[in-house]
Amino acid sequence: MKLVFNIILIFLLLIAFVPFFRNFIFHLLVGRKLVKEQEKIFRAHQKQQEQRTKNGVRVDNVPPDANSSKFRGGEYVDYEEVK
């Protein structure tokens, strides 16, 4: 029982204080799944880009009122500096 406790304690100390060991454990537990998900998203994004640029034509729709502002200016107001 004491041996198991010592092994667990050493394992926890390694995870807490040794960055290389911590990164290795993270890669074993999460890294592979994370890389697979990133590749899946990248492939889906590439597929979507290919569909957009089909036949070499790309059209960006810009609304006609995007650059025009409804604010045309305001009135000039005199002011006095109060001390």
C-alpha atoms as a PDB file:
ATOM      1  CA  MET A   1       0.000   0.000   0.000  1.00  0.00           C
ATOM      2  CA  LYS A   2       2.844   2.344   0.846  1.00  0.00           C
ATOM      3  CA  LEU A   3       4.488   1.543  -2.509  1.00  0.00           C
ATOM      4  CA  VAL A   4       1.333   2.479  -4.434  1.00  0.00           C
ATOM      5  CA  PHE A   5       1.054   5.732  -2.480  1.00  0.00           C
ATOM      6  CA  ASN A   6       4.708   6.579  -3.216  1.00  0.00           C
ATOM      7  CA  ILE A   7       4.237   5.887  -6.941  1.00  0.00           C
ATOM      8  CA  ILE A   8       1.141   8.091  -7.077  1.00  0.00           C
ATOM      9  CA  LEU A   9       2.924  10.841  -5.134  1.00  0.00           C
ATOM     10  CA  ILE A  10       5.942  10.755  -7.468  1.00  0.00           C
ATOM     11  CA  PHE A  11       3.637  10.790 -10.491  1.00  0.00           C
ATOM     12  CA  LEU A  12       1.763  13.844  -9.176  1.00  0.00           C
ATOM     13  CA  LEU A  13       5.003  15.659  -8.366  1.00  0.00           C
ATOM     14  CA  LEU A  14       6.309  14.967 -11.867  1.00  0.00           C
ATOM     15  CA  ILE A  15       3.127  16.356 -13.393  1.00  0.00           C
ATOM     16  CA  ALA A  16       3.248  19.431 -11.150  1.00  0.00           C
ATOM     17  CA  PHE A  17       6.917  20.385 -11.503  1.00  0.00           C
ATOM     18  CA  VAL A  18       8.317  18.909 -14.733  1.00  0.00           C
ATOM     19  CA  PRO A  19       6.998  20.694 -17.839  1.00  0.00           C
ATOM     20  CA  PHE A  20       8.314  18.064 -20.261  1.00  0.00           C
ATOM     21  CA  PHE A  21       6.517  15.268 -18.400  1.00  0.00           C
ATOM     22  CA  ARG A  22       3.343  17.375 -18.117  1.00  0.00           C
ATOM     23  CA  ASN A  23       3.365  18.096 -21.869  1.00  0.00           C
ATOM     24  CA  PHE A  24       3.915  14.412 -22.627  1.00  0.00           C
ATOM     25  CA  ILE A  25       0.975  13.336 -20.447  1.00  0.00           C
ATOM     26  CA  PHE A  26      -1.212  16.058 -22.005  1.00  0.00           C
ATOM     27  CA  HIS A  27      -0.261  14.863 -25.487  1.00  0.00           C
ATOM     28  CA  LEU A  28      -1.116  11.275 -24.580  1.00  0.00           C
ATOM     29  CA  LEU A  29      -4.488  12.152 -23.110  1.00  0.00           C
ATOM     30  CA  VAL A  30      -5.704  15.050 -25.242  1.00  0.00           C
ATOM     31  CA  GLY A  31      -3.221  15.831 -27.995  1.00  0.00           C
ATOM     32  CA  ARG A  32      -4.135  13.163 -30.511  1.00  0.00           C
ATOM     33  CA  LYS A  33      -7.835  13.928 -30.300  1.00  0.00           C
ATOM     34  CA  LEU A  34      -7.123  17.647 -30.567  1.00  0.00           C
ATOM     35  CA  VAL A  35      -5.000  17.189 -33.686  1.00  0.00           C
ATOM     36  CA  LYS A  36      -7.680  15.024 -35.308  1.00  0.00           C
ATOM     37  CA  GLU A  37     -10.358  17.640 -34.609  1.00  0.00           C
ATOM     38  CA  GLN A  38      -8.178  20.422 -36.012  1.00  0.00           C
ATOM     39  CA  GLU A  39      -7.548  18.415 -39.186  1.00  0.00           C
ATOM     40  CA  LYS A  40     -11.284  17.719 -39.521  1.00  0.00           C
ATOM     41  CA  ILE A  41     -12.132  21.421 -39.219  1.00  0.00           C
ATOM     42  CA  PHE A  42      -9.344  22.363 -41.645  1.00  0.00           C
ATOM     43  CA  ARG A  43     -10.619  19.893 -44.258  1.00  0.00           C
ATOM     44  CA  ALA A  44     -14.179  21.196 -43.883  1.00  0.00           C
ATOM     45  CA  HIS A  45     -12.920  24.765 -44.293  1.00  0.00           C
ATOM     46  CA  GLN A  46     -10.949  23.820 -47.403  1.00  0.00           C
ATOM     47  CA  LYS A  47     -14.003  22.105 -48.869  1.00  0.00           C
ATOM     48  CA  GLN A  48     -16.096  25.197 -48.199  1.00  0.00           C
ATOM     49  CA  GLN A  49     -13.467  27.441 -49.834  1.00  0.00           C
ATOM     50  CA  GLU A  50     -13.391  25.194 -52.900  1.00  0.00           C
ATOM     51  CA  GLN A  51     -17.158  25.432 -53.254  1.00  0.00           C
ATOM     52  CA  ARG A  52     -17.028  29.233 -52.967  1.00  0.00           C
ATOM     53  CA  THR A  53     -14.358  29.650 -55.599  1.00  0.00           C
ATOM     54  CA  LYS A  54     -15.894  27.192 -58.047  1.00  0.00           C
ATOM     55  CA  ASN A  55     -14.978  28.014 -61.650  1.00  0.00           C
ATOM     56  CA  GLY A  56     -12.403  30.529 -60.419  1.00  0.00           C
ATOM     57  CA  VAL A  57     -14.995  33.225 -59.706  1.00  0.00           C
ATOM     58  CA  ARG A  58     -15.324  34.767 -56.273  1.00  0.00           C
ATOM     59  CA  VAL A  59     -17.975  37.363 -55.463  1.00  0.00           C
ATOM     60  CA  ASP A  60     -17.995  39.363 -52.252  1.00  0.00           C
ATOM     61  CA  ASN A  61     -21.375  40.922 -51.661  1.00  0.00           C
ATOM     62  CA  VAL A  62     -21.152  44.415 -50.157  1.00  0.00           C
ATOM     63  CA  PRO A  63     -24.350  46.094 -49.070  1.00  0.00           C
ATOM     64  CA  PRO A  64     -24.878  49.409 -50.920  1.00  0.00           C
ATOM     65  CA  ASP A  65     -25.181  51.438 -47.681  1.00  0.00           C
ATOM     66  CA  ALA A  66     -22.055  50.026 -46.055  1.00  0.00           C
ATOM     67  CA  ASN A  67     -19.859  53.085 -46.668  1.00  0.00           C
ATOM     68  CA  SER A  68     -22.468  55.819 -46.437  1.00  0.00           C
ATOM     69  CA  SER A  69     -23.236  57.215 -43.028  1.00  0.00           C
ATOM     70  CA  LYS A  70     -26.566  58.729 -42.066  1.00  0.00           C
ATOM     71  CA  PHE A  71     -24.805  61.239 -39.821  1.00  0.00           C
ATOM     72  CA  ARG A  72     -24.165  64.375 -41.903  1.00  0.00           C
ATOM     73  CA  GLY A  73     -22.719  66.610 -39.183  1.00  0.00           C
ATOM     74  CA  GLY A  74     -24.070  68.731 -36.403  1.00  0.00           C
ATOM     75  CA  GLU A  75     -24.544  72.294 -35.272  1.00  0.00           C
ATOM     76  CA  TYR A  76     -21.741  74.457 -33.974  1.00  0.00           C
ATOM     77  CA  VAL A  77     -22.336  75.429 -30.371  1.00  0.00           C
ATOM     78  CA  ASP A  78     -20.531  78.332 -28.705  1.00  0.00           C
ATOM     79  CA  TYR A  79     -19.233  77.673 -25.259  1.00  0.00           C
ATOM     80  CA  GLU A  80     -17.650  79.609 -22.448  1.00  0.00           C
ATOM     81  CA  GLU A  81     -14.911  78.205 -20.316  1.00  0.00           C
ATOM     82  CA  VAL A  82     -15.945  78.338 -16.653  1.00  0.00           C
ATOM     83  CA  LYS A  83     -13.236  78.572 -14.024  1.00  0.00           C
END
